[in-house]
């Protein structure tokens, strides 16, 4: 997510958003649409940093290059059992705020 910067000559609405941005961004989610290209641990899709940089323990090499779509099941959502033991609760919360769109023509969205 982009960083937000305030300006001294901004409107009162913008100043209010800027002053409360740390609280507002907690409720922001991200829909990943390009699931066939986004790497789960090596691209900053769930957070501003890569998930591999947040791990609690070493991640096996065979899953380090996995795509986001490999951890999502269309009929149930995230397959937590495949990755939750490697990540702290903060990272898991960020992942939970995302949903996947299994449509190659769709674009990522922030909501």
N, C-alpha and C. Protein backbone atom coordinates (compact mmCIF):
# COMPACT_ATOMS: atom_id res chain seq x y z
N UNK A 1 0.83 -1.16 0.00
CA UNK A 1 0.00 0.00 0.00
C UNK A 1 0.89 1.24 0.00
N UNK A 2 0.44 2.23 -0.72
CA UNK A 2 1.24 3.45 -0.82
C UNK A 2 1.31 4.17 0.51
N UNK A 3 2.39 4.91 0.68
CA UNK A 3 2.52 5.74 1.88
C UNK A 3 1.73 7.01 1.69
N UNK A 4 1.17 7.50 2.75
CA UNK A 4 0.37 8.72 2.72
C UNK A 4 1.16 9.83 3.37
N UNK A 5 1.18 10.97 2.71
CA UNK A 5 1.89 12.12 3.26
C UNK A 5 0.93 13.29 3.35
N UNK A 6 1.02 14.01 4.44
CA UNK A 6 0.18 15.18 4.62
C UNK A 6 0.85 16.43 4.08
N UNK A 7 0.04 17.44 3.84
CA UNK A 7 0.56 18.72 3.38
C UNK A 7 -0.02 19.79 4.29
N UNK A 8 0.79 20.79 4.59
CA UNK A 8 0.33 21.85 5.49
C UNK A 8 -0.81 22.65 4.88
N UNK A 9 -0.92 22.70 3.56
CA UNK A 9 -1.98 23.48 2.93
C UNK A 9 -3.14 22.60 2.46
N UNK A 10 -3.22 21.35 2.95
CA UNK A 10 -4.30 20.45 2.57
C UNK A 10 -5.62 20.85 3.19
N UNK A 11 -6.70 20.29 2.67
CA UNK A 11 -8.03 20.57 3.22
C UNK A 11 -8.17 19.93 4.59
N UNK A 12 -9.17 20.37 5.34
CA UNK A 12 -9.38 19.79 6.67
C UNK A 12 -9.73 18.31 6.56
N UNK A 13 -10.41 17.92 5.50
CA UNK A 13 -10.73 16.51 5.29
C UNK A 13 -9.46 15.71 5.10
N UNK A 14 -8.59 16.20 4.21
CA UNK A 14 -7.33 15.49 3.97
C UNK A 14 -6.47 15.42 5.23
N UNK A 15 -6.40 16.51 5.98
CA UNK A 15 -5.61 16.51 7.22
C UNK A 15 -6.17 15.47 8.20
N UNK A 16 -7.51 15.36 8.27
CA UNK A 16 -8.12 14.36 9.14
C UNK A 16 -7.78 12.94 8.72
N UNK A 17 -7.79 12.69 7.41
CA UNK A 17 -7.39 11.37 6.90
C UNK A 17 -5.94 11.12 7.23
N UNK A 18 -5.09 12.07 6.98
CA UNK A 18 -3.65 11.90 7.22
C UNK A 18 -3.35 11.65 8.69
N UNK A 19 -4.00 12.40 9.56
CA UNK A 19 -3.76 12.26 11.00
C UNK A 19 -4.23 10.91 11.54
N UNK A 20 -5.21 10.30 10.87
CA UNK A 20 -5.77 9.04 11.33
C UNK A 20 -5.41 7.87 10.42
N UNK A 21 -4.47 8.06 9.52
CA UNK A 21 -4.13 7.03 8.54
C UNK A 21 -3.73 5.70 9.18
N UNK A 22 -2.99 5.74 10.27
CA UNK A 22 -2.55 4.49 10.90
C UNK A 22 -3.76 3.67 11.36
N UNK A 23 -4.83 4.32 11.75
CA UNK A 23 -6.05 3.61 12.15
C UNK A 23 -6.85 3.17 10.93
N UNK A 24 -6.93 4.01 9.93
CA UNK A 24 -7.71 3.71 8.74
C UNK A 24 -7.16 2.52 7.96
N UNK A 25 -5.84 2.44 7.83
CA UNK A 25 -5.26 1.38 7.00
C UNK A 25 -5.44 -0.01 7.61
N UNK A 26 -5.75 -0.09 8.89
CA UNK A 26 -6.01 -1.38 9.52
C UNK A 26 -7.24 -2.05 8.94
N UNK A 27 -8.18 -1.26 8.44
CA UNK A 27 -9.41 -1.82 7.87
C UNK A 27 -9.37 -1.98 6.37
N UNK A 28 -8.23 -1.73 5.75
CA UNK A 28 -8.11 -1.82 4.30
C UNK A 28 -7.73 -3.23 3.90
N UNK A 29 -8.37 -3.74 2.88
CA UNK A 29 -8.03 -5.06 2.35
C UNK A 29 -7.58 -4.95 0.91
N UNK A 30 -7.14 -6.05 0.36
CA UNK A 30 -6.60 -6.06 -0.99
C UNK A 30 -7.08 -7.33 -1.68
N UNK A 31 -7.64 -7.19 -2.86
CA UNK A 31 -8.05 -8.34 -3.64
C UNK A 31 -6.96 -8.62 -4.66
N UNK A 32 -6.40 -9.81 -4.63
CA UNK A 32 -5.36 -10.20 -5.58
C UNK A 32 -6.04 -10.86 -6.77
N UNK A 33 -5.88 -10.28 -7.93
CA UNK A 33 -6.53 -10.82 -9.12
C UNK A 33 -5.58 -11.60 -10.01
N UNK A 34 -4.34 -11.19 -10.09
CA UNK A 34 -3.38 -11.86 -10.97
C UNK A 34 -2.72 -13.01 -10.21
N UNK A 35 -3.53 -14.00 -9.84
CA UNK A 35 -3.07 -15.07 -8.97
C UNK A 35 -2.07 -16.01 -9.63
N UNK A 36 -1.99 -15.99 -10.93
CA UNK A 36 -1.07 -16.89 -11.60
C UNK A 36 0.34 -16.32 -11.70
N UNK A 37 0.53 -15.10 -11.23
CA UNK A 37 1.85 -14.48 -11.30
C UNK A 37 2.37 -14.01 -9.94
N UNK A 38 1.51 -13.87 -8.97
CA UNK A 38 1.91 -13.33 -7.67
C UNK A 38 2.49 -14.42 -6.78
N UNK A 39 3.72 -14.25 -6.37
CA UNK A 39 4.38 -15.23 -5.49
C UNK A 39 4.00 -14.95 -4.04
N UNK A 40 3.57 -15.99 -3.35
CA UNK A 40 3.06 -15.87 -1.99
C UNK A 40 4.07 -15.24 -1.03
N UNK A 41 5.27 -15.74 -0.99
CA UNK A 41 6.24 -15.27 -0.01
C UNK A 41 7.25 -14.26 -0.52
N UNK A 42 7.38 -14.14 -1.84
CA UNK A 42 8.45 -13.30 -2.40
C UNK A 42 7.98 -12.01 -3.06
N UNK A 43 6.72 -11.67 -2.92
CA UNK A 43 6.21 -10.40 -3.42
C UNK A 43 5.37 -9.75 -2.32
N UNK A 44 5.45 -8.46 -2.16
CA UNK A 44 4.71 -7.79 -1.07
C UNK A 44 3.25 -7.54 -1.44
N UNK A 45 2.44 -8.57 -1.43
CA UNK A 45 1.02 -8.45 -1.77
C UNK A 45 0.12 -8.36 -0.54
N UNK A 46 0.51 -8.97 0.57
CA UNK A 46 -0.33 -8.96 1.77
C UNK A 46 0.10 -7.87 2.74
N UNK A 47 1.29 -7.37 2.56
CA UNK A 47 1.88 -6.40 3.46
C UNK A 47 2.83 -5.53 2.65
N UNK A 48 3.43 -4.57 3.28
CA UNK A 48 4.42 -3.75 2.57
C UNK A 48 5.75 -4.48 2.44
N UNK A 49 5.87 -5.60 3.12
CA UNK A 49 7.09 -6.40 3.00
C UNK A 49 6.74 -7.82 2.57
N UNK A 50 7.72 -8.53 2.07
CA UNK A 50 7.51 -9.90 1.64
C UNK A 50 7.22 -10.78 2.86
N UNK A 51 6.32 -11.73 2.70
CA UNK A 51 6.00 -12.63 3.81
C UNK A 51 7.20 -13.46 4.24
N UNK A 52 8.09 -13.80 3.32
CA UNK A 52 9.28 -14.58 3.69
C UNK A 52 10.19 -13.82 4.65
N UNK A 53 10.10 -12.52 4.67
CA UNK A 53 10.92 -11.74 5.61
C UNK A 53 10.29 -11.69 7.01
N UNK A 54 9.10 -12.25 7.16
CA UNK A 54 8.38 -12.20 8.42
C UNK A 54 8.26 -13.56 9.11
N UNK A 55 8.86 -14.58 8.56
CA UNK A 55 8.62 -15.94 9.04
C UNK A 55 9.14 -16.19 10.45
N UNK A 56 8.48 -17.12 11.12
CA UNK A 56 8.85 -17.53 12.48
C UNK A 56 9.91 -18.61 12.48
N UNK A 57 9.93 -19.39 11.40
CA UNK A 57 10.91 -20.47 11.26
C UNK A 57 11.20 -20.66 9.78
N UNK A 58 12.23 -21.42 9.49
CA UNK A 58 12.65 -21.61 8.11
C UNK A 58 11.55 -22.27 7.28
N UNK A 59 11.33 -21.71 6.11
CA UNK A 59 10.32 -22.22 5.19
C UNK A 59 11.01 -23.18 4.22
N UNK A 60 10.46 -24.38 4.04
CA UNK A 60 11.07 -25.34 3.12
C UNK A 60 11.22 -24.75 1.72
N UNK A 61 12.32 -25.06 1.06
CA UNK A 61 12.61 -24.51 -0.27
C UNK A 61 11.54 -24.85 -1.29
N UNK A 62 10.93 -26.02 -1.16
CA UNK A 62 9.94 -26.42 -2.16
C UNK A 62 8.67 -25.57 -2.14
N UNK A 63 8.45 -24.78 -1.09
CA UNK A 63 7.27 -23.91 -1.08
C UNK A 63 7.62 -22.42 -1.10
N UNK A 64 8.88 -22.09 -1.13
CA UNK A 64 9.27 -20.67 -1.12
C UNK A 64 8.84 -19.93 -2.39
N UNK A 65 8.75 -20.61 -3.51
CA UNK A 65 8.36 -19.96 -4.77
C UNK A 65 6.89 -20.20 -5.13
N UNK A 66 6.11 -20.67 -4.18
CA UNK A 66 4.70 -20.97 -4.44
C UNK A 66 3.94 -19.69 -4.81
N UNK A 67 2.95 -19.84 -5.64
CA UNK A 67 2.10 -18.72 -6.03
C UNK A 67 0.96 -18.56 -5.02
N UNK A 68 0.44 -17.35 -4.92
CA UNK A 68 -0.66 -17.08 -4.01
C UNK A 68 -1.81 -18.05 -4.26
N UNK A 69 -2.11 -18.33 -5.51
CA UNK A 69 -3.24 -19.19 -5.85
C UNK A 69 -3.10 -20.61 -5.29
N UNK A 70 -1.89 -21.02 -4.96
CA UNK A 70 -1.68 -22.36 -4.42
C UNK A 70 -2.15 -22.48 -2.98
N UNK A 71 -2.47 -21.37 -2.34
CA UNK A 71 -2.92 -21.37 -0.96
C UNK A 71 -4.38 -20.95 -0.82
N UNK A 72 -5.09 -20.90 -1.91
CA UNK A 72 -6.49 -20.48 -1.93
C UNK A 72 -7.34 -21.58 -2.55
N UNK A 73 -8.45 -21.90 -1.95
CA UNK A 73 -9.41 -22.84 -2.51
C UNK A 73 -10.71 -22.07 -2.76
N UNK A 74 -11.18 -22.12 -3.99
CA UNK A 74 -12.35 -21.33 -4.38
C UNK A 74 -13.57 -21.61 -3.51
N UNK A 75 -13.72 -22.82 -3.04
CA UNK A 75 -14.91 -23.17 -2.27
C UNK A 75 -14.78 -22.94 -0.76
N UNK A 76 -13.57 -22.56 -0.30
CA UNK A 76 -13.41 -22.36 1.14
C UNK A 76 -12.52 -21.20 1.54
N UNK A 77 -11.73 -20.66 0.65
CA UNK A 77 -10.85 -19.55 0.99
C UNK A 77 -9.42 -20.01 1.25
N UNK A 78 -8.75 -19.33 2.18
CA UNK A 78 -7.35 -19.61 2.46
C UNK A 78 -7.16 -21.02 3.04
N UNK A 79 -6.12 -21.68 2.59
CA UNK A 79 -5.76 -23.00 3.10
C UNK A 79 -4.70 -22.79 4.19
N UNK A 80 -5.17 -22.35 5.34
CA UNK A 80 -4.31 -21.96 6.44
C UNK A 80 -3.32 -23.04 6.85
N UNK A 81 -3.71 -24.28 6.76
CA UNK A 81 -2.85 -25.38 7.20
C UNK A 81 -1.55 -25.48 6.39
N UNK A 82 -1.51 -24.87 5.22
CA UNK A 82 -0.32 -24.94 4.38
C UNK A 82 0.76 -23.93 4.76
N UNK A 83 0.38 -22.85 5.46
CA UNK A 83 1.38 -21.80 5.72
C UNK A 83 1.33 -21.16 7.10
N UNK A 84 0.28 -21.36 7.86
CA UNK A 84 0.12 -20.60 9.11
C UNK A 84 1.21 -20.88 10.14
N UNK A 85 1.81 -22.04 10.13
CA UNK A 85 2.85 -22.33 11.13
C UNK A 85 4.12 -21.52 10.91
N UNK A 86 4.27 -20.94 9.73
CA UNK A 86 5.49 -20.20 9.40
C UNK A 86 5.40 -18.70 9.67
N UNK A 87 4.18 -18.19 9.88
CA UNK A 87 4.00 -16.74 9.95
C UNK A 87 3.42 -16.29 11.29
N UNK A 88 3.79 -15.08 11.74
CA UNK A 88 3.23 -14.54 12.98
C UNK A 88 1.77 -14.14 12.78
N UNK A 89 1.05 -13.98 13.87
CA UNK A 89 -0.36 -13.61 13.80
C UNK A 89 -0.60 -12.32 13.03
N UNK A 90 0.31 -11.38 13.14
CA UNK A 90 0.17 -10.11 12.41
C UNK A 90 0.11 -10.36 10.90
N UNK A 91 0.97 -11.21 10.39
CA UNK A 91 0.98 -11.54 8.97
C UNK A 91 -0.28 -12.30 8.59
N UNK A 92 -0.72 -13.22 9.43
CA UNK A 92 -1.93 -13.99 9.14
C UNK A 92 -3.15 -13.08 9.09
N UNK A 93 -3.20 -12.08 9.94
CA UNK A 93 -4.30 -11.11 9.92
C UNK A 93 -4.31 -10.34 8.60
N UNK A 94 -3.13 -9.99 8.13
CA UNK A 94 -3.05 -9.27 6.85
C UNK A 94 -3.50 -10.15 5.70
N UNK A 95 -3.13 -11.41 5.73
CA UNK A 95 -3.57 -12.34 4.68
C UNK A 95 -5.09 -12.48 4.74
N UNK A 96 -5.65 -12.58 5.93
CA UNK A 96 -7.09 -12.74 6.10
C UNK A 96 -7.88 -11.58 5.53
N UNK A 97 -7.27 -10.41 5.40
CA UNK A 97 -7.97 -9.25 4.86
C UNK A 97 -7.97 -9.24 3.33
N UNK A 98 -7.47 -10.30 2.73
CA UNK A 98 -7.42 -10.42 1.27
C UNK A 98 -8.32 -11.54 0.79
N UNK A 99 -8.85 -11.37 -0.38
CA UNK A 99 -9.56 -12.43 -1.05
C UNK A 99 -9.01 -12.53 -2.47
N UNK A 100 -9.16 -13.69 -3.08
CA UNK A 100 -8.65 -13.87 -4.43
C UNK A 100 -9.78 -13.89 -5.44
N UNK A 101 -9.52 -13.32 -6.59
CA UNK A 101 -10.43 -13.38 -7.71
C UNK A 101 -9.76 -14.28 -8.74
N UNK A 102 -10.37 -15.40 -9.03
CA UNK A 102 -9.77 -16.36 -9.95
C UNK A 102 -10.17 -16.01 -11.39
N UNK A 103 -9.79 -14.82 -11.83
CA UNK A 103 -10.13 -14.32 -13.15
C UNK A 103 -8.91 -13.63 -13.73
N UNK A 104 -8.32 -14.20 -14.77
CA UNK A 104 -7.11 -13.65 -15.36
C UNK A 104 -7.29 -12.25 -15.92
N UNK A 105 -8.51 -11.86 -16.25
CA UNK A 105 -8.75 -10.54 -16.80
C UNK A 105 -8.99 -9.48 -15.73
N UNK A 106 -9.12 -9.90 -14.48
CA UNK A 106 -9.39 -8.96 -13.39
C UNK A 106 -8.12 -8.26 -12.94
N UNK A 107 -8.30 -7.14 -12.27
CA UNK A 107 -7.18 -6.37 -11.73
C UNK A 107 -7.22 -6.39 -10.22
N UNK A 108 -6.04 -6.25 -9.58
CA UNK A 108 -5.98 -6.14 -8.14
C UNK A 108 -6.78 -4.91 -7.70
N UNK A 109 -7.42 -5.01 -6.52
CA UNK A 109 -8.20 -3.90 -6.01
C UNK A 109 -7.94 -3.71 -4.52
N UNK A 110 -8.00 -2.48 -4.09
CA UNK A 110 -7.94 -2.15 -2.67
C UNK A 110 -9.35 -1.78 -2.23
N UNK A 111 -9.76 -2.35 -1.11
CA UNK A 111 -11.11 -2.04 -0.61
C UNK A 111 -11.08 -1.76 0.87
